[in-house]
Amino acid sequence: MVACGMNVSDTHRLKSLEDENAKLKRLLADTMLDNVVLKDLLGKS
C-alpha cells in the first residue's frame, strides 16, 4: 500500500530500505546464534 504523497521514487527507496532492513535483521539473528553456540562450546571446555 502506498501512502498519500509518495511518488514512484519514494516507493522504490522504501522498498530498498525494507530489503536492507530484512538483510540486517538476518545478519543480526545469525550473529546472535553464533554467539549462543560459541558460549555453549566455551562452557563445555
PDB file of N, CA and C in Angstrom:
ATOM      1  N   MET A   1       0.847  -1.181   0.000  1.00  0.00           N
ATOM      2  CA  MET A   1       0.000   0.000   0.000  1.00  0.00           C
ATOM      3  C   MET A   1       0.891   1.242   0.000  1.00  0.00           C
ATOM      4  N   VAL A   2       0.584   2.189  -0.841  1.00  0.00           N
ATOM      5  CA  VAL A   2       1.374   3.412  -0.969  1.00  0.00           C
ATOM      6  C   VAL A   2       0.666   4.533  -0.226  1.00  0.00           C
ATOM      7  N   ALA A   3       1.408   5.211   0.638  1.00  0.00           N
ATOM      8  CA  ALA A   3       0.844   6.319   1.397  1.00  0.00           C
ATOM      9  C   ALA A   3       0.620   7.515   0.474  1.00  0.00           C
ATOM     10  N   CYS A   4      -0.320   8.343   0.849  1.00  0.00           N
ATOM     11  CA  CYS A   4      -0.597   9.550   0.069  1.00  0.00           C
ATOM     12  C   CYS A   4       0.641  10.430   0.027  1.00  0.00           C
ATOM     13  N   GLY A   5       0.916  11.005  -1.125  1.00  0.00           N
ATOM     14  CA  GLY A   5       2.038  11.904  -1.275  1.00  0.00           C
ATOM     15  C   GLY A   5       3.342  11.223  -1.648  1.00  0.00           C
ATOM     16  N   MET A   6       3.348   9.911  -1.761  1.00  0.00           N
ATOM     17  CA  MET A   6       4.578   9.200  -2.146  1.00  0.00           C
ATOM     18  C   MET A   6       4.604   9.043  -3.660  1.00  0.00           C
ATOM     19  N   ASN A   7       5.760   9.334  -4.248  1.00  0.00           N
ATOM     20  CA  ASN A   7       5.891   9.132  -5.677  1.00  0.00           C
ATOM     21  C   ASN A   7       6.621   7.811  -5.940  1.00  0.00           C
ATOM     22  N   VAL A   8       6.835   7.502  -7.198  1.00  0.00           N
ATOM     23  CA  VAL A   8       7.471   6.238  -7.564  1.00  0.00           C
ATOM     24  C   VAL A   8       8.867   6.142  -6.962  1.00  0.00           C
ATOM     25  N   SER A   9       9.610   7.234  -6.981  1.00  0.00           N
ATOM     26  CA  SER A   9      10.951   7.248  -6.413  1.00  0.00           C
ATOM     27  C   SER A   9      10.915   6.929  -4.914  1.00  0.00           C
ATOM     28  N   ASP A  10       9.942   7.492  -4.213  1.00  0.00           N
ATOM     29  CA  ASP A  10       9.795   7.232  -2.782  1.00  0.00           C
ATOM     30  C   ASP A  10       9.489   5.759  -2.528  1.00  0.00           C
ATOM     31  N   THR A  11       8.636   5.176  -3.339  1.00  0.00           N
ATOM     32  CA  THR A  11       8.270   3.779  -3.129  1.00  0.00           C
ATOM     33  C   THR A  11       9.453   2.852  -3.410  1.00  0.00           C
ATOM     34  N   HIS A  12      10.267   3.190  -4.408  1.00  0.00           N
ATOM     35  CA  HIS A  12      11.471   2.398  -4.694  1.00  0.00           C
ATOM     36  C   HIS A  12      12.458   2.509  -3.541  1.00  0.00           C
ATOM     37  N   ARG A  13      12.611   3.718  -3.008  1.00  0.00           N
ATOM     38  CA  ARG A  13      13.516   3.931  -1.868  1.00  0.00           C
ATOM     39  C   ARG A  13      13.021   3.161  -0.649  1.00  0.00           C
ATOM     40  N   LEU A  14      11.725   3.195  -0.408  1.00  0.00           N
ATOM     41  CA  LEU A  14      11.143   2.474   0.717  1.00  0.00           C
ATOM     42  C   LEU A  14      11.376   0.975   0.577  1.00  0.00           C
ATOM     43  N   LYS A  15      11.154   0.451  -0.612  1.00  0.00           N
ATOM     44  CA  LYS A  15      11.370  -0.978  -0.859  1.00  0.00           C
ATOM     45  C   LYS A  15      12.833  -1.339  -0.641  1.00  0.00           C
ATOM     46  N   SER A  16      13.739  -0.502  -1.108  1.00  0.00           N
ATOM     47  CA  SER A  16      15.160  -0.732  -0.923  1.00  0.00           C
ATOM     48  C   SER A  16      15.521  -0.746   0.559  1.00  0.00           C
ATOM     49  N   LEU A  17      14.983   0.187   1.316  1.00  0.00           N
ATOM     50  CA  LEU A  17      15.261   0.240   2.754  1.00  0.00           C
ATOM     51  C   LEU A  17      14.664  -0.965   3.477  1.00  0.00           C
ATOM     52  N   GLU A  18      13.486  -1.387   3.054  1.00  0.00           N
ATOM     53  CA  GLU A  18      12.870  -2.573   3.663  1.00  0.00           C
ATOM     54  C   GLU A  18      13.702  -3.817   3.386  1.00  0.00           C
ATOM     55  N   ASP A  19      14.214  -3.931   2.165  1.00  0.00           N
ATOM     56  CA  ASP A  19      15.072  -5.071   1.814  1.00  0.00           C
ATOM     57  C   ASP A  19      16.356  -5.054   2.642  1.00  0.00           C
ATOM     58  N   GLU A  20      16.961  -3.880   2.763  1.00  0.00           N
ATOM     59  CA  GLU A  20      18.189  -3.757   3.539  1.00  0.00           C
ATOM     60  C   GLU A  20      17.919  -4.075   5.009  1.00  0.00           C
ATOM     61  N   ASN A  21      16.805  -3.610   5.526  1.00  0.00           N
ATOM     62  CA  ASN A  21      16.439  -3.875   6.917  1.00  0.00           C
ATOM     63  C   ASN A  21      16.273  -5.380   7.150  1.00  0.00           C
ATOM     64  N   ALA A  22      15.628  -6.069   6.232  1.00  0.00           N
ATOM     65  CA  ALA A  22      15.448  -7.516   6.352  1.00  0.00           C
ATOM     66  C   ALA A  22      16.795  -8.234   6.338  1.00  0.00           C
ATOM     67  N   LYS A  23      17.703  -7.785   5.465  1.00  0.00           N
ATOM     68  CA  LYS A  23      19.036  -8.390   5.395  1.00  0.00           C
ATOM     69  C   LYS A  23      19.788  -8.185   6.703  1.00  0.00           C
ATOM     70  N   LEU A  24      19.722  -6.978   7.244  1.00  0.00           N
ATOM     71  CA  LEU A  24      20.411  -6.683   8.502  1.00  0.00           C
ATOM     72  C   LEU A  24      19.826  -7.484   9.661  1.00  0.00           C
ATOM     73  N   LYS A  25      18.515  -7.675   9.656  1.00  0.00           N
ATOM     74  CA  LYS A  25      17.884  -8.484  10.699  1.00  0.00           C
ATOM     75  C   LYS A  25      18.362  -9.930  10.625  1.00  0.00           C
ATOM     76  N   ARG A  26      18.492 -10.461   9.407  1.00  0.00           N
ATOM     77  CA  ARG A  26      19.007 -11.831   9.243  1.00  0.00           C
ATOM     78  C   ARG A  26      20.452 -11.926   9.728  1.00  0.00           C
ATOM     79  N   LEU A  27      21.274 -10.923   9.386  1.00  0.00           N
ATOM     80  CA  LEU A  27      22.666 -10.917   9.836  1.00  0.00           C
ATOM     81  C   LEU A  27      22.748 -10.861  11.361  1.00  0.00           C
ATOM     82  N   LEU A  28      21.907 -10.051  11.964  1.00  0.00           N
ATOM     83  CA  LEU A  28      21.891  -9.945  13.421  1.00  0.00           C
ATOM     84  C   LEU A  28      21.476 -11.275  14.048  1.00  0.00           C
ATOM     85  N   ALA A  29      20.443 -11.894  13.503  1.00  0.00           N
ATOM     86  CA  ALA A  29      19.993 -13.178  14.034  1.00  0.00           C
ATOM     87  C   ALA A  29      21.092 -14.232  13.906  1.00  0.00           C
ATOM     88  N   ASP A  30      21.772 -14.262  12.771  1.00  0.00           N
ATOM     89  CA  ASP A  30      22.874 -15.213  12.572  1.00  0.00           C
ATOM     90  C   ASP A  30      23.993 -14.968  13.585  1.00  0.00           C
ATOM     91  N   THR A  31      24.323 -13.718  13.809  1.00  0.00           N
ATOM     92  CA  THR A  31      25.386 -13.369  14.746  1.00  0.00           C
ATOM     93  C   THR A  31      24.998 -13.749  16.172  1.00  0.00           C
ATOM     94  N   MET A  32      23.750 -13.504  16.526  1.00  0.00           N
ATOM     95  CA  MET A  32      23.286 -13.863  17.863  1.00  0.00           C
ATOM     96  C   MET A  32      23.333 -15.385  18.048  1.00  0.00           C
ATOM     97  N   LEU A  33      22.966 -16.120  17.016  1.00  0.00           N
ATOM     98  CA  LEU A  33      23.023 -17.579  17.085  1.00  0.00           C
ATOM     99  C   LEU A  33      24.468 -18.048  17.218  1.00  0.00           C
ATOM    100  N   ASP A  34      25.366 -17.452  16.453  1.00  0.00           N
ATOM    101  CA  ASP A  34      26.792 -17.789  16.563  1.00  0.00           C
ATOM    102  C   ASP A  34      27.285 -17.558  17.992  1.00  0.00           C
ATOM    103  N   ASN A  35      26.865 -16.456  18.608  1.00  0.00           N
ATOM    104  CA  ASN A  35      27.278 -16.156  19.975  1.00  0.00           C
ATOM    105  C   ASN A  35      26.778 -17.208  20.954  1.00  0.00           C
ATOM    106  N   VAL A  36      25.546 -17.650  20.777  1.00  0.00           N
ATOM    107  CA  VAL A  36      24.995 -18.686  21.648  1.00  0.00           C
ATOM    108  C   VAL A  36      25.794 -19.983  21.503  1.00  0.00           C
ATOM    109  N   VAL A  37      26.101 -20.347  20.261  1.00  0.00           N
ATOM    110  CA  VAL A  37      26.864 -21.571  20.013  1.00  0.00           C
ATOM    111  C   VAL A  37      28.255 -21.464  20.625  1.00  0.00           C
ATOM    112  N   LEU A  38      28.920 -20.338  20.417  1.00  0.00           N
ATOM    113  CA  LEU A  38      30.264 -20.155  20.970  1.00  0.00           C
ATOM    114  C   LEU A  38      30.258 -20.197  22.497  1.00  0.00           C
ATOM    115  N   LYS A  39      29.280 -19.545  23.107  1.00  0.00           N
ATOM    116  CA  LYS A  39      29.189 -19.563  24.567  1.00  0.00           C
ATOM    117  C   LYS A  39      28.955 -20.987  25.061  1.00  0.00           C
ATOM    118  N   ASP A  40      28.132 -21.736  24.347  1.00  0.00           N
ATOM    119  CA  ASP A  40      27.864 -23.114  24.718  1.00  0.00           C
ATOM    120  C   ASP A  40      29.139 -23.957  24.611  1.00  0.00           C
ATOM    121  N   LEU A  41      29.878 -23.776  23.526  1.00  0.00           N
ATOM    122  CA  LEU A  41      31.123 -24.525  23.344  1.00  0.00           C
ATOM    123  C   LEU A  41      32.160 -24.163  24.401  1.00  0.00           C
ATOM    124  N   LEU A  42      32.275 -22.887  24.703  1.00  0.00           N
ATOM    125  CA  LEU A  42      33.246 -22.448  25.717  1.00  0.00           C
ATOM    126  C   LEU A  42      32.858 -22.943  27.102  1.00  0.00           C
ATOM    127  N   GLY A  43      31.592 -23.044  27.358  1.00  0.00           N
ATOM    128  CA  GLY A  43      31.123 -23.526  28.650  1.00  0.00           C
ATOM    129  C   GLY A  43      31.388 -24.998  28.867  1.00  0.00           C
ATOM    130  N   LYS A  44      31.538 -25.741  27.777  1.00  0.00           N
ATOM    131  CA  LYS A  44      31.762 -27.179  27.866  1.00  0.00           C
ATOM    132  C   LYS A  44      33.234 -27.541  27.820  1.00  0.00           C
ATOM    133  N   SER A  45      34.112 -26.575  27.704  1.00  0.00           N
ATOM    134  CA  SER A  45      35.565 -26.843  27.606  1.00  0.00           C
ATOM    135  C   SER A  45      36.106 -27.400  28.898  1.00  0.00           C
TER     136      SER A  45
END
